[in-house]
Amino acid sequence: MGAEHRPGDRPILGREHELAAIDGLISSVRRGLGGALVLRGEAGIGKSALLGCAATSANDLGVVPILGVRSEMSLGFAALHQLLNPF
């Protein structure tokens, strides 16, 4: 199993609610369920740090990182292309 965040771990201070949501989603995936989580916010608020914690927690699952780029917002399926291209 992955290293889920326990209350005393505190990989990111003050983000317990977000980490709990991430861990809940990862737990659901381990049980064979699907799901999605949207991280949205201004630059510099810790979205990448939360995603790093998610990847660490899901180290036993297949994690494929992709990068969303603002200039590709108008291109349909740009992120899907990034996701599937290596395969």
N, C-alpha and C. Protein backbone atom coordinates (compact mmCIF):
# COMPACT_ATOMS: atom_id res chain seq x y z
N MET A 1 0.82 -1.18 0.00
CA MET A 1 0.00 0.00 0.00
C MET A 1 0.87 1.24 0.00
N GLY A 2 0.31 2.33 -0.49
CA GLY A 2 1.04 3.59 -0.51
C GLY A 2 1.13 4.20 0.87
N ALA A 3 1.91 5.22 0.97
CA ALA A 3 2.11 5.90 2.25
C ALA A 3 1.07 7.00 2.39
N GLU A 4 -0.12 6.65 2.85
CA GLU A 4 -1.16 7.66 3.04
C GLU A 4 -0.75 8.60 4.16
N HIS A 5 -1.26 9.81 4.10
CA HIS A 5 -0.91 10.82 5.10
C HIS A 5 -1.75 10.63 6.35
N ARG A 6 -1.10 10.47 7.46
CA ARG A 6 -1.77 10.38 8.73
C ARG A 6 -1.73 11.74 9.40
N PRO A 7 -2.66 12.04 10.32
CA PRO A 7 -2.72 13.38 10.90
C PRO A 7 -1.40 13.89 11.47
N GLY A 8 -0.56 13.03 12.00
CA GLY A 8 0.70 13.49 12.58
C GLY A 8 1.81 13.70 11.57
N ASP A 9 1.62 13.23 10.32
CA ASP A 9 2.68 13.34 9.31
C ASP A 9 2.91 14.78 8.86
N ARG A 10 1.84 15.49 8.57
CA ARG A 10 1.87 16.88 8.14
C ARG A 10 2.90 17.18 7.06
N PRO A 11 2.77 16.57 5.88
CA PRO A 11 3.71 16.88 4.81
C PRO A 11 3.59 18.33 4.33
N ILE A 12 2.39 18.89 4.45
CA ILE A 12 2.16 20.29 4.10
C ILE A 12 1.31 20.88 5.23
N LEU A 13 1.81 21.86 5.91
CA LEU A 13 1.09 22.45 7.03
C LEU A 13 -0.18 23.16 6.57
N GLY A 14 -1.26 22.95 7.30
CA GLY A 14 -2.51 23.64 7.03
C GLY A 14 -3.31 23.11 5.86
N ARG A 15 -2.96 21.98 5.30
CA ARG A 15 -3.68 21.45 4.14
C ARG A 15 -4.30 20.09 4.44
N GLU A 16 -4.65 19.86 5.70
CA GLU A 16 -5.19 18.56 6.11
C GLU A 16 -6.45 18.20 5.34
N HIS A 17 -7.32 19.17 5.10
CA HIS A 17 -8.58 18.91 4.39
C HIS A 17 -8.30 18.44 2.95
N GLU A 18 -7.40 19.13 2.27
CA GLU A 18 -7.06 18.76 0.90
C GLU A 18 -6.37 17.40 0.85
N LEU A 19 -5.46 17.16 1.79
CA LEU A 19 -4.75 15.87 1.83
C LEU A 19 -5.71 14.72 2.13
N ALA A 20 -6.70 14.97 2.98
CA ALA A 20 -7.70 13.95 3.28
C ALA A 20 -8.53 13.62 2.03
N ALA A 21 -8.87 14.64 1.24
CA ALA A 21 -9.62 14.40 0.00
C ALA A 21 -8.78 13.60 -0.99
N ILE A 22 -7.50 13.92 -1.10
CA ILE A 22 -6.60 13.18 -1.99
C ILE A 22 -6.48 11.74 -1.53
N ASP A 23 -6.26 11.54 -0.24
CA ASP A 23 -6.11 10.18 0.28
C ASP A 23 -7.39 9.37 0.12
N GLY A 24 -8.55 10.03 0.27
CA GLY A 24 -9.82 9.35 0.06
C GLY A 24 -9.98 8.88 -1.37
N LEU A 25 -9.57 9.72 -2.32
CA LEU A 25 -9.65 9.35 -3.73
C LEU A 25 -8.71 8.19 -4.03
N ILE A 26 -7.50 8.24 -3.50
CA ILE A 26 -6.53 7.16 -3.73
C ILE A 26 -7.02 5.86 -3.11
N SER A 27 -7.62 5.93 -1.94
CA SER A 27 -8.19 4.73 -1.31
C SER A 27 -9.30 4.14 -2.17
N SER A 28 -10.12 4.99 -2.76
CA SER A 28 -11.19 4.52 -3.64
C SER A 28 -10.62 3.82 -4.86
N VAL A 29 -9.56 4.36 -5.42
CA VAL A 29 -8.93 3.73 -6.59
C VAL A 29 -8.40 2.36 -6.22
N ARG A 30 -7.81 2.24 -5.04
CA ARG A 30 -7.29 0.93 -4.60
C ARG A 30 -8.41 -0.09 -4.45
N ARG A 31 -9.63 0.37 -4.19
CA ARG A 31 -10.77 -0.54 -4.06
C ARG A 31 -11.43 -0.79 -5.41
N GLY A 32 -10.85 -0.27 -6.49
CA GLY A 32 -11.38 -0.51 -7.82
C GLY A 32 -12.38 0.52 -8.31
N LEU A 33 -12.54 1.60 -7.59
CA LEU A 33 -13.46 2.66 -8.00
C LEU A 33 -12.71 3.74 -8.74
N GLY A 34 -13.39 4.51 -9.52
CA GLY A 34 -12.78 5.64 -10.22
C GLY A 34 -13.13 6.94 -9.53
N GLY A 35 -12.58 8.00 -10.01
CA GLY A 35 -12.88 9.29 -9.44
C GLY A 35 -12.02 10.36 -10.07
N ALA A 36 -12.27 11.60 -9.69
CA ALA A 36 -11.50 12.72 -10.20
C ALA A 36 -11.43 13.78 -9.10
N LEU A 37 -10.39 14.55 -9.17
CA LEU A 37 -10.19 15.64 -8.22
C LEU A 37 -9.62 16.81 -8.99
N VAL A 38 -10.20 17.98 -8.83
CA VAL A 38 -9.72 19.17 -9.52
C VAL A 38 -9.01 20.05 -8.51
N LEU A 39 -7.75 20.39 -8.80
CA LEU A 39 -7.00 21.35 -7.99
C LEU A 39 -6.96 22.64 -8.79
N ARG A 40 -7.50 23.69 -8.19
CA ARG A 40 -7.62 24.95 -8.90
C ARG A 40 -7.26 26.07 -7.95
N GLY A 41 -6.55 27.06 -8.45
CA GLY A 41 -6.22 28.20 -7.63
C GLY A 41 -5.12 29.04 -8.23
N GLU A 42 -4.83 30.13 -7.57
CA GLU A 42 -3.81 31.06 -8.04
C GLU A 42 -2.43 30.42 -8.00
N ALA A 43 -1.53 30.98 -8.76
CA ALA A 43 -0.15 30.50 -8.78
C ALA A 43 0.48 30.65 -7.40
N GLY A 44 1.22 29.64 -6.99
CA GLY A 44 1.97 29.72 -5.74
C GLY A 44 1.24 29.30 -4.49
N ILE A 45 0.04 28.73 -4.60
CA ILE A 45 -0.69 28.37 -3.39
C ILE A 45 -0.46 26.92 -2.96
N GLY A 46 0.33 26.17 -3.74
CA GLY A 46 0.67 24.82 -3.32
C GLY A 46 0.02 23.69 -4.08
N LYS A 47 -0.52 23.97 -5.26
CA LYS A 47 -1.14 22.90 -6.05
C LYS A 47 -0.13 21.82 -6.42
N SER A 48 1.04 22.22 -6.85
CA SER A 48 2.07 21.25 -7.23
C SER A 48 2.54 20.44 -6.03
N ALA A 49 2.62 21.07 -4.87
CA ALA A 49 3.02 20.35 -3.66
C ALA A 49 1.98 19.31 -3.29
N LEU A 50 0.70 19.65 -3.43
CA LEU A 50 -0.36 18.67 -3.16
C LEU A 50 -0.30 17.52 -4.16
N LEU A 51 -0.03 17.81 -5.42
CA LEU A 51 0.09 16.75 -6.41
C LEU A 51 1.30 15.86 -6.12
N GLY A 52 2.38 16.45 -5.63
CA GLY A 52 3.54 15.66 -5.23
C GLY A 52 3.22 14.72 -4.10
N CYS A 53 2.45 15.19 -3.13
CA CYS A 53 2.02 14.33 -2.02
C CYS A 53 1.11 13.21 -2.54
N ALA A 54 0.26 13.55 -3.50
CA ALA A 54 -0.63 12.53 -4.08
C ALA A 54 0.19 11.45 -4.78
N ALA A 55 1.18 11.86 -5.55
CA ALA A 55 2.02 10.88 -6.25
C ALA A 55 2.77 10.00 -5.28
N THR A 56 3.24 10.57 -4.19
CA THR A 56 3.94 9.79 -3.16
C THR A 56 2.98 8.80 -2.50
N SER A 57 1.77 9.25 -2.20
CA SER A 57 0.79 8.37 -1.58
C SER A 57 0.36 7.23 -2.49
N ALA A 58 0.41 7.48 -3.79
CA ALA A 58 -0.03 6.48 -4.75
C ALA A 58 1.15 5.77 -5.40
N ASN A 59 2.25 5.64 -4.67
CA ASN A 59 3.46 5.06 -5.27
C ASN A 59 3.28 3.61 -5.70
N ASP A 60 2.26 2.94 -5.21
CA ASP A 60 2.00 1.56 -5.62
C ASP A 60 1.06 1.48 -6.81
N LEU A 61 0.56 2.61 -7.27
CA LEU A 61 -0.35 2.67 -8.41
C LEU A 61 0.40 3.23 -9.62
N GLY A 62 -0.15 3.08 -10.78
CA GLY A 62 0.46 3.67 -11.98
C GLY A 62 0.15 5.15 -12.05
N VAL A 63 1.15 5.98 -11.86
CA VAL A 63 0.97 7.43 -11.91
C VAL A 63 1.65 7.94 -13.17
N VAL A 64 0.88 8.65 -14.01
CA VAL A 64 1.42 9.22 -15.25
C VAL A 64 1.27 10.74 -15.15
N PRO A 65 2.39 11.44 -14.96
CA PRO A 65 2.29 12.90 -14.84
C PRO A 65 2.12 13.58 -16.20
N ILE A 66 1.26 14.58 -16.25
CA ILE A 66 1.13 15.44 -17.43
C ILE A 66 1.12 16.87 -16.94
N LEU A 67 1.32 17.80 -17.84
CA LEU A 67 1.42 19.21 -17.48
C LEU A 67 0.38 20.00 -18.26
N GLY A 68 -0.45 20.71 -17.54
CA GLY A 68 -1.42 21.58 -18.18
C GLY A 68 -0.77 22.92 -18.48
N VAL A 69 -0.90 23.38 -19.71
CA VAL A 69 -0.30 24.63 -20.13
C VAL A 69 -1.41 25.57 -20.59
N ARG A 70 -1.40 26.77 -20.03
CA ARG A 70 -2.46 27.73 -20.33
C ARG A 70 -2.61 27.96 -21.84
N SER A 71 -1.50 28.00 -22.57
CA SER A 71 -1.59 28.28 -24.01
C SER A 71 -2.28 27.16 -24.78
N GLU A 72 -2.44 25.98 -24.17
CA GLU A 72 -3.10 24.86 -24.84
C GLU A 72 -4.58 24.74 -24.47
N MET A 73 -5.09 25.70 -23.71
CA MET A 73 -6.48 25.62 -23.27
C MET A 73 -7.45 25.55 -24.44
N SER A 74 -7.14 26.21 -25.54
CA SER A 74 -8.06 26.22 -26.67
C SER A 74 -7.92 24.99 -27.56
N LEU A 75 -6.91 24.18 -27.32
CA LEU A 75 -6.71 22.97 -28.12
C LEU A 75 -7.48 21.81 -27.49
N GLY A 76 -8.43 21.30 -28.22
CA GLY A 76 -9.21 20.18 -27.71
C GLY A 76 -8.35 18.95 -27.49
N PHE A 77 -8.49 18.32 -26.36
CA PHE A 77 -7.82 17.06 -26.03
C PHE A 77 -6.30 17.16 -25.92
N ALA A 78 -5.75 18.36 -25.66
CA ALA A 78 -4.30 18.51 -25.54
C ALA A 78 -3.76 17.68 -24.38
N ALA A 79 -4.41 17.71 -23.24
CA ALA A 79 -3.95 16.93 -22.09
C ALA A 79 -4.09 15.44 -22.35
N LEU A 80 -5.15 15.03 -23.02
CA LEU A 80 -5.33 13.63 -23.37
C LEU A 80 -4.21 13.16 -24.30
N HIS A 81 -3.81 14.00 -25.21
CA HIS A 81 -2.70 13.67 -26.11
C HIS A 81 -1.42 13.46 -25.29
N GLN A 82 -1.15 14.36 -24.33
CA GLN A 82 0.02 14.20 -23.48
C GLN A 82 -0.04 12.91 -22.69
N LEU A 83 -1.21 12.57 -22.21
CA LEU A 83 -1.38 11.37 -21.39
C LEU A 83 -1.14 10.09 -22.19
N LEU A 84 -1.69 10.03 -23.39
CA LEU A 84 -1.65 8.79 -24.18
C LEU A 84 -0.44 8.66 -25.09
N ASN A 85 0.23 9.77 -25.41
CA ASN A 85 1.35 9.72 -26.35
C ASN A 85 2.46 8.75 -25.94
N PRO A 86 2.87 8.67 -24.66
CA PRO A 86 3.93 7.73 -24.30
C PRO A 86 3.54 6.26 -24.49
N PHE A 87 2.26 5.97 -24.52
CA PHE A 87 1.82 4.59 -24.63
C PHE A 87 1.66 4.19 -26.07
